[in-house]
Amino acid sequence: MAKKSPAQRANKKHEKEKQRQKKLARRQPPLSPEERWKPLTEGIEGLARRLDVDAYIAFEEAAGLAKQRPEVAQLWTTERVDALSTDEILVRLEGLGVTTDAESFAERALVLERTLLFSNGDWLPRLDEGNPEPPRTVHDRDFLRAANIILWERWLPDQPCDEDLNASFDHAWFNFDSGHTEEPFFDLLDVWEQLGPNAQDRLQRTPFGVDYTNVLLETTHAVLSELDELGPVVKALTILHAIVPALAPDRFEQLRALQKVADHEMATLSADSPADG
C-alpha cells in the first residue's frame, strides 16, 4: 500500500478535527437568546427581537446583562441616557432630527400613554428624513427610545407610561404567583396611586385591568387576618367597589362577601380597642 503524502495526512487530520468539533458542538447545550445577542451590531433593538419582547423590556434586560457583557456599557441603555442632563439629551435628539420640549412632549405623551408608541410612531420616522449621511443606525434608534423613556420620567413623574405601569403590575403578579399575599397587596395599592387622578378610567385602558381586579380581590381577602390595622384594606375595598362593576362584574358577589368579612373584622377590632378616657 502506497504511503500517503504529507498533504494527504494533513488533510485527513484536518477532517478528523472537523468531525471532532461537530461532535463537541452537538454535546453542548444550545446558546440562549441572550448569548446569541451581538450588542455592538444589534443594539437593544436586536435584544428585543431575540427575546421576542418589546424594547421597554429589552432595556430592562440589558441592564441585567451589563455585568456579564461589558460591551453593553457602550450601548444607549436607559442608564446611560439617564446619566445625561436634559439639555444634553435634547441637543442629541435635535442632531437626530427630533425637536421637543416639556410642554409639547407632555401634550403628546398624555394622548398616547405609551412611550414606545410615542417614540416609534412620532420620533423614529424623523431619523431618515432628508437621507442623512452617514445613514442612521440601530444605536440611533435605541437612543430615541431610551430618551423618550427618560424624558417621560423627568417631565411626567406623576403620569407614568403604560409600559411602566405594566412593569409594576408584573412585579405584583410575580409575587402573587409565587404564593405571597401581603407584598403583592401593597404593590397593587402602589399601582393604583401610579395610575393618577383618573385611576379608574386609566385602569380600564390598560391590558391588565381585569387581572388587577382579580388579584386585588384575592390578596385583600388573604391579608384581612394578617394586618395589624385595616386602613389599607378599607382603601382596597374602596378601589374594588369602583372597578369590579366595570372590569369584573362576575366577581361582584365575591366582593360583597369580602365586604361582610371586613366589616366583621373592623367591628371586632373596634370592640377590642380600649374606650377613650
C-alpha atoms as a PDB file:
ATOM      1  CA  MET A   1       0.000   0.000   0.000  1.00  0.00           C
ATOM      2  CA  ALA A   2       1.370   3.347  -1.034  1.00  0.00           C
ATOM      3  CA  LYS A   3       2.194   5.731   1.710  1.00  0.00           C
ATOM      4  CA  LYS A   4       0.045   8.856   1.995  1.00  0.00           C
ATOM      5  CA  SER A   5       1.718  12.097   1.180  1.00  0.00           C
ATOM      6  CA  PRO A   6       2.197  14.733   3.910  1.00  0.00           C
ATOM      7  CA  ALA A   7      -0.552  16.787   2.287  1.00  0.00           C
ATOM      8  CA  GLN A   8      -2.969  13.819   2.380  1.00  0.00           C
ATOM      9  CA  ARG A   9      -2.125  13.134   6.015  1.00  0.00           C
ATOM     10  CA  ALA A  10      -2.623  16.770   6.910  1.00  0.00           C
ATOM     11  CA  ASN A  11      -5.976  16.813   5.107  1.00  0.00           C
ATOM     12  CA  LYS A  12      -7.118  13.658   6.901  1.00  0.00           C
ATOM     13  CA  LYS A  13      -6.068  15.151  10.232  1.00  0.00           C
ATOM     14  CA  HIS A  14      -7.992  18.313   9.379  1.00  0.00           C
ATOM     15  CA  GLU A  15     -11.129  16.299   8.524  1.00  0.00           C
ATOM     16  CA  LYS A  16     -10.873  14.384  11.801  1.00  0.00           C
ATOM     17  CA  GLU A  17     -10.617  17.642  13.721  1.00  0.00           C
ATOM     18  CA  LYS A  18     -13.688  18.994  11.918  1.00  0.00           C
ATOM     19  CA  GLN A  19     -15.637  15.863  12.850  1.00  0.00           C
ATOM     20  CA  ARG A  20     -14.464  16.177  16.465  1.00  0.00           C
ATOM     21  CA  GLN A  21     -15.603  19.793  16.641  1.00  0.00           C
ATOM     22  CA  LYS A  22     -19.003  18.846  15.221  1.00  0.00           C
ATOM     23  CA  LYS A  23     -19.430  16.159  17.885  1.00  0.00           C
ATOM     24  CA  LEU A  24     -18.475  18.624  20.613  1.00  0.00           C
ATOM     25  CA  ALA A  25     -20.946  21.163  19.258  1.00  0.00           C
ATOM     26  CA  ARG A  26     -23.741  18.574  19.367  1.00  0.00           C
ATOM     27  CA  ARG A  27     -22.944  17.804  23.000  1.00  0.00           C
ATOM     28  CA  GLN A  28     -23.064  21.429  24.089  1.00  0.00           C
ATOM     29  CA  PRO A  29     -26.428  22.945  25.023  1.00  0.00           C
ATOM     30  CA  PRO A  30     -27.751  25.491  22.520  1.00  0.00           C
ATOM     31  CA  LEU A  31     -26.949  29.101  23.222  1.00  0.00           C
ATOM     32  CA  SER A  32     -29.677  31.187  24.848  1.00  0.00           C
ATOM     33  CA  PRO A  33     -31.064  34.224  23.008  1.00  0.00           C
ATOM     34  CA  GLU A  34     -29.034  36.453  25.343  1.00  0.00           C
ATOM     35  CA  GLU A  35     -25.843  34.542  24.495  1.00  0.00           C
ATOM     36  CA  ARG A  36     -26.509  34.781  20.760  1.00  0.00           C
ATOM     37  CA  TRP A  37     -27.117  38.527  21.020  1.00  0.00           C
ATOM     38  CA  LYS A  38     -24.399  40.715  19.464  1.00  0.00           C
ATOM     39  CA  PRO A  39     -24.733  44.024  21.353  1.00  0.00           C
ATOM     40  CA  LEU A  40     -22.426  46.193  19.280  1.00  0.00           C
ATOM     41  CA  THR A  41     -24.052  45.310  15.956  1.00  0.00           C
ATOM     42  CA  GLU A  42     -27.641  44.580  17.042  1.00  0.00           C
ATOM     43  CA  GLY A  43     -28.146  47.091  19.865  1.00  0.00           C
ATOM     44  CA  ILE A  44     -31.042  46.966  22.300  1.00  0.00           C
ATOM     45  CA  GLU A  45     -33.380  46.623  19.343  1.00  0.00           C
ATOM     46  CA  GLY A  46     -31.686  43.336  18.451  1.00  0.00           C
ATOM     47  CA  LEU A  47     -32.007  42.052  22.009  1.00  0.00           C
ATOM     48  CA  ALA A  48     -35.749  42.769  21.864  1.00  0.00           C
ATOM     49  CA  ARG A  49     -36.006  40.724  18.661  1.00  0.00           C
ATOM     50  CA  ARG A  50     -34.047  37.818  20.068  1.00  0.00           C
ATOM     51  CA  LEU A  51     -36.106  37.726  23.279  1.00  0.00           C
ATOM     52  CA  ASP A  52     -39.367  38.429  21.439  1.00  0.00           C
ATOM     53  CA  VAL A  53     -40.212  41.290  23.800  1.00  0.00           C
ATOM     54  CA  ASP A  54     -40.794  44.994  23.299  1.00  0.00           C
ATOM     55  CA  ALA A  55     -37.949  47.498  23.563  1.00  0.00           C
ATOM     56  CA  TYR A  56     -39.016  48.692  27.028  1.00  0.00           C
ATOM     57  CA  ILE A  57     -38.489  45.222  28.473  1.00  0.00           C
ATOM     58  CA  ALA A  58     -35.300  44.825  26.430  1.00  0.00           C
ATOM     59  CA  PHE A  59     -33.856  47.931  28.110  1.00  0.00           C
ATOM     60  CA  GLU A  60     -34.545  46.322  31.493  1.00  0.00           C
ATOM     61  CA  GLU A  61     -32.987  43.038  30.354  1.00  0.00           C
ATOM     62  CA  ALA A  62     -29.904  44.850  29.060  1.00  0.00           C
ATOM     63  CA  ALA A  63     -29.383  46.416  32.487  1.00  0.00           C
ATOM     64  CA  GLY A  64     -29.317  42.921  33.981  1.00  0.00           C
ATOM     65  CA  LEU A  65     -26.850  41.685  31.358  1.00  0.00           C
ATOM     66  CA  ALA A  66     -24.411  44.581  31.756  1.00  0.00           C
ATOM     67  CA  LYS A  67     -22.219  42.799  34.311  1.00  0.00           C
ATOM     68  CA  GLN A  68     -21.832  39.681  32.170  1.00  0.00           C
ATOM     69  CA  ARG A  69     -21.494  41.610  28.900  1.00  0.00           C
ATOM     70  CA  PRO A  70     -19.160  44.626  29.370  1.00  0.00           C
ATOM     71  CA  GLU A  71     -19.865  45.830  25.827  1.00  0.00           C
ATOM     72  CA  VAL A  72     -23.430  46.679  26.910  1.00  0.00           C
ATOM     73  CA  ALA A  73     -21.980  49.803  28.558  1.00  0.00           C
ATOM     74  CA  GLN A  74     -21.267  51.153  25.071  1.00  0.00           C
ATOM     75  CA  LEU A  75     -24.936  50.989  24.063  1.00  0.00           C
ATOM     76  CA  TRP A  76     -27.585  53.652  24.549  1.00  0.00           C
ATOM     77  CA  THR A  77     -29.203  51.986  27.534  1.00  0.00           C
ATOM     78  CA  THR A  78     -31.684  53.899  29.687  1.00  0.00           C
ATOM     79  CA  GLU A  79     -28.992  54.048  32.397  1.00  0.00           C
ATOM     80  CA  ARG A  80     -26.517  55.692  30.025  1.00  0.00           C
ATOM     81  CA  VAL A  81     -29.099  58.189  28.760  1.00  0.00           C
ATOM     82  CA  ASP A  82     -30.219  58.945  32.315  1.00  0.00           C
ATOM     83  CA  ALA A  83     -26.626  59.962  33.116  1.00  0.00           C
ATOM     84  CA  LEU A  84     -27.017  62.849  30.638  1.00  0.00           C
ATOM     85  CA  SER A  85     -28.556  66.168  31.562  1.00  0.00           C
ATOM     86  CA  THR A  86     -31.880  67.023  29.978  1.00  0.00           C
ATOM     87  CA  ASP A  87     -30.162  69.663  27.826  1.00  0.00           C
ATOM     88  CA  GLU A  88     -27.637  67.086  26.606  1.00  0.00           C
ATOM     89  CA  ILE A  89     -30.456  64.724  25.663  1.00  0.00           C
ATOM     90  CA  LEU A  90     -32.298  67.463  23.791  1.00  0.00           C
ATOM     91  CA  VAL A  91     -29.183  68.506  21.878  1.00  0.00           C
ATOM     92  CA  ARG A  92     -28.520  64.939  20.763  1.00  0.00           C
ATOM     93  CA  LEU A  93     -32.179  64.494  19.811  1.00  0.00           C
ATOM     94  CA  GLU A  94     -32.022  67.631  17.703  1.00  0.00           C
ATOM     95  CA  GLY A  95     -28.973  66.223  15.939  1.00  0.00           C
ATOM     96  CA  LEU A  96     -31.088  63.223  15.001  1.00  0.00           C
ATOM     97  CA  GLY A  97     -33.916  65.361  13.666  1.00  0.00           C
ATOM     98  CA  VAL A  98     -36.174  65.404  16.738  1.00  0.00           C
ATOM     99  CA  THR A  99     -37.079  68.681  18.449  1.00  0.00           C
ATOM    100  CA  THR A 100     -39.154  68.653  21.622  1.00  0.00           C
ATOM    101  CA  ASP A 101     -39.751  70.489  24.887  1.00  0.00           C
ATOM    102  CA  ALA A 102     -41.524  69.728  28.142  1.00  0.00           C
ATOM    103  CA  GLU A 103     -44.850  71.227  27.086  1.00  0.00           C
ATOM    104  CA  SER A 104     -45.170  69.607  23.658  1.00  0.00           C
ATOM    105  CA  PHE A 105     -43.807  66.312  24.993  1.00  0.00           C
ATOM    106  CA  ALA A 106     -46.380  66.199  27.799  1.00  0.00           C
ATOM    107  CA  GLU A 107     -49.230  67.067  25.447  1.00  0.00           C
ATOM    108  CA  ARG A 108     -48.388  64.164  23.128  1.00  0.00           C
ATOM    109  CA  ALA A 109     -47.483  61.715  25.893  1.00  0.00           C
ATOM    110  CA  LEU A 110     -50.785  62.144  27.713  1.00  0.00           C
ATOM    111  CA  VAL A 111     -52.645  61.346  24.495  1.00  0.00           C
ATOM    112  CA  LEU A 112     -50.616  58.253  23.604  1.00  0.00           C
ATOM    113  CA  GLU A 113     -49.920  56.997  27.162  1.00  0.00           C
ATOM    114  CA  ARG A 114     -47.237  54.619  25.810  1.00  0.00           C
ATOM    115  CA  THR A 115     -43.594  55.583  25.441  1.00  0.00           C
ATOM    116  CA  LEU A 116     -42.941  53.107  22.612  1.00  0.00           C
ATOM    117  CA  LEU A 117     -45.987  54.264  20.672  1.00  0.00           C
ATOM    118  CA  PHE A 118     -44.627  57.803  21.058  1.00  0.00           C
ATOM    119  CA  SER A 119     -41.003  57.103  20.092  1.00  0.00           C
ATOM    120  CA  ASN A 120     -41.735  54.557  17.348  1.00  0.00           C
ATOM    121  CA  GLY A 121     -44.613  56.487  15.833  1.00  0.00           C
ATOM    122  CA  ASP A 122     -43.551  60.110  16.220  1.00  0.00           C
ATOM    123  CA  TRP A 123     -39.771  60.141  16.504  1.00  0.00           C
ATOM    124  CA  LEU A 124     -38.324  57.217  14.544  1.00  0.00           C
ATOM    125  CA  PRO A 125     -39.753  58.376  11.169  1.00  0.00           C
ATOM    126  CA  ARG A 126     -37.789  61.614  11.541  1.00  0.00           C
ATOM    127  CA  LEU A 127     -34.458  59.775  11.664  1.00  0.00           C
ATOM    128  CA  ASP A 128     -34.279  59.153   7.935  1.00  0.00           C
ATOM    129  CA  GLU A 129     -35.799  62.420   6.758  1.00  0.00           C
ATOM    130  CA  GLY A 130     -33.528  64.056   4.192  1.00  0.00           C
ATOM    131  CA  ASN A 131     -31.471  60.857   3.672  1.00  0.00           C
ATOM    132  CA  PRO A 132     -28.821  61.747   6.290  1.00  0.00           C
ATOM    133  CA  GLU A 133     -25.187  60.813   5.777  1.00  0.00           C
ATOM    134  CA  PRO A 134     -23.958  58.618   7.265  1.00  0.00           C
ATOM    135  CA  PRO A 135     -27.201  56.611   7.446  1.00  0.00           C
ATOM    136  CA  ARG A 136     -28.825  56.235  10.836  1.00  0.00           C
ATOM    137  CA  THR A 137     -28.056  53.092  12.810  1.00  0.00           C
ATOM    138  CA  VAL A 138     -29.737  50.798  15.314  1.00  0.00           C
ATOM    139  CA  HIS A 139     -27.919  52.750  18.042  1.00  0.00           C
ATOM    140  CA  ASP A 140     -29.644  55.954  16.950  1.00  0.00           C
ATOM    141  CA  ARG A 141     -32.990  54.186  17.238  1.00  0.00           C
ATOM    142  CA  ASP A 142     -32.011  52.879  20.670  1.00  0.00           C
ATOM    143  CA  PHE A 143     -31.156  56.419  21.764  1.00  0.00           C
ATOM    144  CA  LEU A 144     -34.525  57.791  20.639  1.00  0.00           C
ATOM    145  CA  ARG A 145     -36.429  55.135  22.553  1.00  0.00           C
ATOM    146  CA  ALA A 146     -34.289  55.470  25.678  1.00  0.00           C
ATOM    147  CA  ALA A 147     -34.504  59.277  25.545  1.00  0.00           C
ATOM    148  CA  ASN A 148     -38.295  59.121  25.364  1.00  0.00           C
ATOM    149  CA  ILE A 149     -38.403  56.867  28.430  1.00  0.00           C
ATOM    150  CA  ILE A 150     -36.081  59.116  30.448  1.00  0.00           C
ATOM    151  CA  LEU A 151     -37.763  62.393  29.443  1.00  0.00           C
ATOM    152  CA  TRP A 152     -41.137  60.859  30.357  1.00  0.00           C
ATOM    153  CA  GLU A 153     -39.788  60.017  33.811  1.00  0.00           C
ATOM    154  CA  ARG A 154     -38.371  63.522  34.266  1.00  0.00           C
ATOM    155  CA  TRP A 155     -41.175  65.595  32.816  1.00  0.00           C
ATOM    156  CA  LEU A 156     -44.174  63.456  33.811  1.00  0.00           C
ATOM    157  CA  PRO A 157     -43.191  61.717  37.055  1.00  0.00           C
ATOM    158  CA  ASP A 158     -46.829  61.555  38.211  1.00  0.00           C
ATOM    159  CA  GLN A 159     -48.155  60.236  34.891  1.00  0.00           C
ATOM    160  CA  PRO A 160     -46.222  57.017  34.165  1.00  0.00           C
ATOM    161  CA  CYS A 161     -46.399  55.435  30.747  1.00  0.00           C
ATOM    162  CA  ASP A 162     -48.323  52.208  30.214  1.00  0.00           C
ATOM    163  CA  GLU A 163     -45.084  50.239  29.971  1.00  0.00           C
ATOM    164  CA  ASP A 164     -44.064  51.430  33.444  1.00  0.00           C
ATOM    165  CA  LEU A 165     -47.474  50.528  34.844  1.00  0.00           C
ATOM    166  CA  ASN A 166     -47.270  47.100  33.202  1.00  0.00           C
ATOM    167  CA  ALA A 167     -43.875  46.518  34.806  1.00  0.00           C
ATOM    168  CA  SER A 168     -45.240  47.455  38.240  1.00  0.00           C
ATOM    169  CA  PHE A 169     -48.215  45.135  37.808  1.00  0.00           C
ATOM    170  CA  ASP A 170     -45.983  42.323  36.532  1.00  0.00           C
ATOM    171  CA  HIS A 171     -43.927  42.646  39.720  1.00  0.00           C
ATOM    172  CA  ALA A 172     -47.059  42.327  41.844  1.00  0.00           C
ATOM    173  CA  TRP A 173     -48.302  39.412  39.731  1.00  0.00           C
ATOM    174  CA  PHE A 174     -44.958  37.596  40.082  1.00  0.00           C
ATOM    175  CA  ASN A 175     -45.107  37.883  43.872  1.00  0.00           C
ATOM    176  CA  PHE A 176     -48.734  36.726  43.905  1.00  0.00           C
ATOM    177  CA  ASP A 177     -47.980  33.824  41.568  1.00  0.00           C
ATOM    178  CA  SER A 178     -45.096  32.849  43.883  1.00  0.00           C
ATOM    179  CA  GLY A 179     -47.565  32.343  46.716  1.00  0.00           C
ATOM    180  CA  HIS A 180     -47.177  35.668  48.528  1.00  0.00           C
ATOM    181  CA  THR A 181     -50.136  37.822  49.522  1.00  0.00           C
ATOM    182  CA  GLU A 182     -49.137  40.825  51.626  1.00  0.00           C
ATOM    183  CA  GLU A 183     -46.379  42.116  49.320  1.00  0.00           C
ATOM    184  CA  PRO A 184     -48.465  41.980  46.119  1.00  0.00           C
ATOM    185  CA  PHE A 185     -51.402  43.514  48.021  1.00  0.00           C
ATOM    186  CA  PHE A 186     -49.366  46.622  48.814  1.00  0.00           C
ATOM    187  CA  ASP A 187     -47.806  46.554  45.329  1.00  0.00           C
ATOM    188  CA  LEU A 188     -51.301  46.812  43.839  1.00  0.00           C
ATOM    189  CA  LEU A 189     -52.179  49.760  46.078  1.00  0.00           C
ATOM    190  CA  ASP A 190     -48.995  51.441  44.793  1.00  0.00           C
ATOM    191  CA  VAL A 191     -50.059  50.747  41.195  1.00  0.00           C
ATOM    192  CA  TRP A 192     -53.382  52.454  41.907  1.00  0.00           C
ATOM    193  CA  GLU A 193     -51.501  55.543  43.092  1.00  0.00           C
ATOM    194  CA  GLN A 194     -49.355  55.422  39.937  1.00  0.00           C
ATOM    195  CA  LEU A 195     -52.490  55.419  37.780  1.00  0.00           C
ATOM    196  CA  GLY A 196     -53.071  59.027  38.827  1.00  0.00           C
ATOM    197  CA  PRO A 197     -56.167  61.145  39.447  1.00  0.00           C
ATOM    198  CA  ASN A 198     -58.244  59.322  36.819  1.00  0.00           C
ATOM    199  CA  ALA A 199     -57.140  55.916  38.040  1.00  0.00           C
ATOM    200  CA  GLN A 200     -60.388  54.102  37.280  1.00  0.00           C
ATOM    201  CA  ASP A 201     -60.520  55.239  33.649  1.00  0.00           C
ATOM    202  CA  ARG A 202     -56.794  54.643  33.157  1.00  0.00           C
ATOM    203  CA  LEU A 203     -57.007  51.135  34.596  1.00  0.00           C
ATOM    204  CA  GLN A 204     -59.775  50.251  32.148  1.00  0.00           C
ATOM    205  CA  ARG A 205     -57.469  51.233  29.283  1.00  0.00           C
ATOM    206  CA  THR A 206     -54.574  49.069  30.463  1.00  0.00           C
ATOM    207  CA  PRO A 207     -54.182  45.460  29.300  1.00  0.00           C
ATOM    208  CA  PHE A 208     -54.044  44.221  32.897  1.00  0.00           C
ATOM    209  CA  GLY A 209     -57.221  45.829  34.286  1.00  0.00           C
ATOM    210  CA  VAL A 210     -59.155  42.584  34.776  1.00  0.00           C
ATOM    211  CA  ASP A 211     -56.160  40.755  36.247  1.00  0.00           C
ATOM    212  CA  TYR A 212     -55.528  43.689  38.581  1.00  0.00           C
ATOM    213  CA  THR A 213     -59.099  43.477  39.839  1.00  0.00           C
ATOM    214  CA  ASN A 214     -58.971  39.722  40.391  1.00  0.00           C
ATOM    215  CA  VAL A 215     -55.616  39.739  42.168  1.00  0.00           C
ATOM    216  CA  LEU A 216     -56.614  42.656  44.396  1.00  0.00           C
ATOM    217  CA  LEU A 217     -59.731  40.722  45.412  1.00  0.00           C
ATOM    218  CA  GLU A 218     -57.698  37.639  46.272  1.00  0.00           C
ATOM    219  CA  THR A 219     -54.939  39.429  48.159  1.00  0.00           C
ATOM    220  CA  THR A 220     -57.352  41.685  50.072  1.00  0.00           C
ATOM    221  CA  HIS A 221     -59.184  38.614  51.322  1.00  0.00           C
ATOM    222  CA  ALA A 222     -55.884  36.983  52.296  1.00  0.00           C
ATOM    223  CA  VAL A 223     -54.473  39.920  54.285  1.00  0.00           C
ATOM    224  CA  LEU A 224     -57.633  40.563  56.309  1.00  0.00           C
ATOM    225  CA  SER A 225     -56.381  38.279  59.068  1.00  0.00           C
ATOM    226  CA  GLU A 226     -52.701  39.250  58.663  1.00  0.00           C
ATOM    227  CA  LEU A 227     -52.602  43.038  59.002  1.00  0.00           C
ATOM    228  CA  ASP A 228     -52.454  44.792  62.345  1.00  0.00           C
ATOM    229  CA  GLU A 229     -54.610  47.645  61.105  1.00  0.00           C
ATOM    230  CA  LEU A 230     -57.234  47.658  58.384  1.00  0.00           C
ATOM    231  CA  GLY A 231     -56.721  51.081  56.826  1.00  0.00           C
ATOM    232  CA  PRO A 232     -55.118  49.580  53.683  1.00  0.00           C
ATOM    233  CA  VAL A 233     -57.977  47.064  53.447  1.00  0.00           C
ATOM    234  CA  VAL A 234     -60.532  49.884  53.570  1.00  0.00           C
ATOM    235  CA  LYS A 235     -58.644  51.591  50.750  1.00  0.00           C
ATOM    236  CA  ALA A 236     -58.559  48.364  48.723  1.00  0.00           C
ATOM    237  CA  LEU A 237     -62.279  47.821  49.195  1.00  0.00           C
ATOM    238  CA  THR A 238     -62.995  51.371  48.043  1.00  0.00           C
ATOM    239  CA  ILE A 239     -60.975  50.669  44.899  1.00  0.00           C
ATOM    240  CA  LEU A 240     -62.721  47.340  44.331  1.00  0.00           C
ATOM    241  CA  HIS A 241     -66.201  48.833  44.664  1.00  0.00           C
ATOM    242  CA  ALA A 242     -65.202  51.320  41.963  1.00  0.00           C
ATOM    243  CA  ILE A 243     -63.701  48.873  39.480  1.00  0.00           C
ATOM    244  CA  VAL A 244     -65.428  45.492  39.925  1.00  0.00           C
ATOM    245  CA  PRO A 245     -68.714  46.515  38.205  1.00  0.00           C
ATOM    246  CA  ALA A 246     -66.833  47.604  35.078  1.00  0.00           C
ATOM    247  CA  LEU A 247     -63.936  45.156  34.959  1.00  0.00           C
ATOM    248  CA  ALA A 248     -65.107  42.006  36.722  1.00  0.00           C
ATOM    249  CA  PRO A 249     -68.896  42.052  37.233  1.00  0.00           C
ATOM    250  CA  ASP A 250     -68.889  38.279  37.692  1.00  0.00           C
ATOM    251  CA  ARG A 251     -66.884  38.812  40.907  1.00  0.00           C
ATOM    252  CA  PHE A 252     -69.390  41.191  42.494  1.00  0.00           C
ATOM    253  CA  GLU A 253     -70.845  38.564  44.845  1.00  0.00           C
ATOM    254  CA  GLN A 254     -67.343  37.724  45.979  1.00  0.00           C
ATOM    255  CA  LEU A 255     -66.789  41.402  46.702  1.00  0.00           C
ATOM    256  CA  ARG A 256     -69.978  41.587  48.746  1.00  0.00           C
ATOM    257  CA  ALA A 257     -68.852  38.583  50.794  1.00  0.00           C
ATOM    258  CA  LEU A 258     -65.433  40.139  51.268  1.00  0.00           C
ATOM    259  CA  GLN A 259     -67.025  43.388  52.455  1.00  0.00           C
ATOM    260  CA  LYS A 260     -69.024  41.463  55.085  1.00  0.00           C
ATOM    261  CA  VAL A 261     -65.885  39.772  56.381  1.00  0.00           C
ATOM    262  CA  ALA A 262     -64.084  43.100  56.506  1.00  0.00           C
ATOM    263  CA  ASP A 263     -66.990  44.749  58.337  1.00  0.00           C
ATOM    264  CA  HIS A 264     -66.893  41.938  60.896  1.00  0.00           C
ATOM    265  CA  GLU A 265     -63.128  42.291  61.343  1.00  0.00           C
ATOM    266  CA  MET A 266     -63.430  46.044  61.832  1.00  0.00           C
ATOM    267  CA  ALA A 267     -66.265  45.636  64.323  1.00  0.00           C
ATOM    268  CA  THR A 268     -64.169  43.121  66.265  1.00  0.00           C
ATOM    269  CA  LEU A 269     -61.171  45.429  66.317  1.00  0.00           C
ATOM    270  CA  SER A 270     -63.360  48.294  67.470  1.00  0.00           C
ATOM    271  CA  ALA A 271     -64.828  46.204  70.274  1.00  0.00           C
ATOM    272  CA  ASP A 272     -61.365  45.079  71.395  1.00  0.00           C
ATOM    273  CA  SER A 273     -59.996  48.634  71.463  1.00  0.00           C
ATOM    274  CA  PRO A 274     -59.942  50.331  74.909  1.00  0.00           C
ATOM    275  CA  ALA A 275     -62.623  53.015  75.307  1.00  0.00           C
ATOM    276  CA  ASP A 276     -61.469  56.621  75.199  1.00  0.00           C
ATOM    277  CA  GLY A 277     -60.990  58.236  78.538  1.00  0.00           C
END
